[in-house]
Every structure is written in C-alpha cells, then in structure tokens.
Protein backbone atom coordinates (compact mmCIF):
# COMPACT_ATOMS: atom_id res chain seq x y z
CA MET A 1 9.37 29.46 -3.01
CA SER A 2 10.70 30.18 -6.64
CA GLU A 3 8.83 28.80 -9.66
CA ARG A 4 11.77 26.65 -10.34
CA ALA A 5 11.83 25.15 -6.78
CA GLN A 6 7.99 24.84 -6.96
CA ARG A 7 8.34 22.80 -10.22
CA ARG A 8 11.12 20.63 -8.79
CA HIS A 9 8.94 19.88 -5.68
CA LEU A 10 6.06 18.98 -7.96
CA ASP A 11 8.17 16.65 -9.98
CA ASP A 12 9.59 15.01 -6.76
CA VAL A 13 6.10 14.62 -5.49
CA GLN A 14 4.79 12.98 -8.80
CA ARG A 15 7.68 10.70 -8.95
CA ARG A 16 7.13 9.61 -5.22
CA LEU A 17 3.35 9.09 -6.09
CA MET A 18 4.20 6.86 -9.05
CA LEU A 19 6.57 4.70 -7.06
CA ALA A 20 4.01 4.58 -4.06
CA ARG A 21 1.23 3.60 -6.54
CA GLU A 22 3.41 0.80 -7.99
CA SER A 23 4.33 -0.47 -4.65
CA MET A 24 0.71 -0.45 -3.48
CA ARG A 25 -0.27 -2.30 -6.54
CA ILE A 26 2.22 -5.06 -6.15
CA LEU A 27 1.37 -5.42 -2.40
CA GLU A 28 -2.31 -5.56 -3.42
CA GLU A 29 -1.60 -8.50 -5.67
CA GLN A 30 0.49 -10.33 -3.05
CA VAL A 31 -2.18 -9.71 -0.32
CA ALA A 32 -4.81 -11.08 -2.45
CA VAL A 33 -3.00 -14.35 -3.02
CA TRP A 34 -1.91 -14.63 0.74
CA ASN A 35 -5.53 -13.97 1.70
CA ASP A 36 -6.65 -16.94 -0.52
CA SER A 37 -3.99 -19.07 0.99
CA LEU A 38 -5.03 -18.03 4.45
CA GLU A 39 -8.66 -19.13 3.61
CA GLU A 40 -7.21 -22.53 2.37
CA ALA A 41 -5.02 -23.06 5.50
CA ARG A 42 -8.07 -22.15 7.83
CA ILE A 43 -10.17 -24.82 6.05
CA ARG A 44 -7.24 -27.41 6.32
CA SER A 45 -6.78 -26.58 10.01
CA LEU A 46 -10.59 -27.16 10.60
CA VAL A 47 -10.68 -30.35 8.59
CA SER A 48 -7.63 -32.04 9.95
CA GLU A 49 -7.72 -30.77 13.48
CA THR A 50 -4.02 -31.29 13.92
CA PRO A 51 -1.78 -29.00 15.93
CA GLN A 52 0.64 -28.50 13.02
CA GLN A 53 -2.14 -27.40 10.61
CA GLN A 54 -3.46 -24.90 13.36
CA ALA A 55 0.09 -23.62 13.93
CA ASP A 56 0.57 -23.14 10.04
CA TYR A 57 -2.61 -21.38 9.99
CA ASN A 58 -1.66 -19.23 12.93
CA GLU A 59 1.79 -18.31 11.34
CA LEU A 60 0.27 -17.43 8.07
CA LEU A 61 -2.38 -15.38 9.78
CA LYS A 62 0.29 -13.31 11.42
CA HIS A 63 1.98 -12.54 8.04
CA VAL A 64 -1.37 -11.80 6.39
CA THR A 65 -2.23 -9.42 9.17
CA VAL A 66 1.07 -7.60 8.83
CA ALA A 67 0.71 -7.34 5.02
CA ASN A 68 -2.79 -6.09 5.35
CA ASP A 69 -1.52 -3.36 7.85
CA GLU A 70 1.13 -2.36 5.27
CA LEU A 71 -1.30 -2.21 2.56
CA LEU A 72 -3.40 0.14 4.53
CA ARG A 73 -0.18 2.36 5.30
CA ARG A 74 0.67 2.42 1.58
CA ARG A 75 -2.96 3.43 0.63
CA ALA A 76 -2.66 6.25 3.13
CA ASP A 77 0.76 7.31 1.69
CA VAL A 78 -0.75 7.52 -1.88
CA ALA A 79 -3.56 9.40 -0.50
CA ASN A 80 -1.26 11.96 1.27
CA LEU A 81 0.83 12.29 -1.72
CA LEU A 82 -2.18 13.03 -3.90
CA ARG A 83 -3.16 15.79 -1.49
CA GLU A 84 0.42 17.05 -1.72
CA ARG A 85 0.48 16.92 -5.45
CA ASP A 86 -2.88 18.75 -5.65
CA GLU A 87 -1.96 21.35 -3.27
CA SER A 88 1.36 21.99 -5.00
CA LEU A 89 -0.34 22.17 -8.53
CA ARG A 90 -2.84 24.57 -7.09
CA ARG A 91 0.07 26.85 -5.89
CA TYR A 92 2.08 26.24 -9.15
CA THR A 93 -0.93 27.10 -11.40
CA SER A 94 -2.25 30.19 -9.54
CA LYS A 95 1.24 31.78 -9.75
CA GLU A 96 1.09 31.23 -13.58
CA SER A 97 -2.22 32.84 -13.90
C-alpha cells in the first residue's frame, strides 16, 4: 500500500473511531437513564402488584436489554477500531523511519 493510501486509511479509521466513540457515549448516557427507569418500574411493579405495572416493567426490560446489548457491541466496535488504528500507525510510522 502506498504511503498516501496508508494515510487515507489511517484518516478513515480515525474518523470512524471518533464517530463510534461519540455514538457509544450517547448510548451510555441513555442506558444509564433507562437502567434507572427500569429499577423504578421494578419497584412499582412489586409494590402495586398489578398486571399493568408488571407488563410495563417487562416491556421496559426488553428495551433496556436490547440497549445494553447494543452498548456492548459499540464498545467492541471501538476496541476493534482502536486496534486497527494502532496497527495502521505502526505500519505507517515504521515506513517513515
């Protein structure tokens, strides 16, 4: 790969990493709020013991579970992009030396 192509690849990886980190940060904030809401819904369902409260809790639990799974996927994406960036940097800087 030419130096120019390596530089473009490195720039692309860095751009994707910045976007992935921002996306992950936003989702982390949302998941924190949803986890708090889930705990409140759980307590309400225990206290009220109504079918509607239990259904609300179960529905929220499904959404929070999906959001937590997505957060894990985004963290893995960030880790993979970091590895790709580091490897690209090693190749790019070793050619310059």
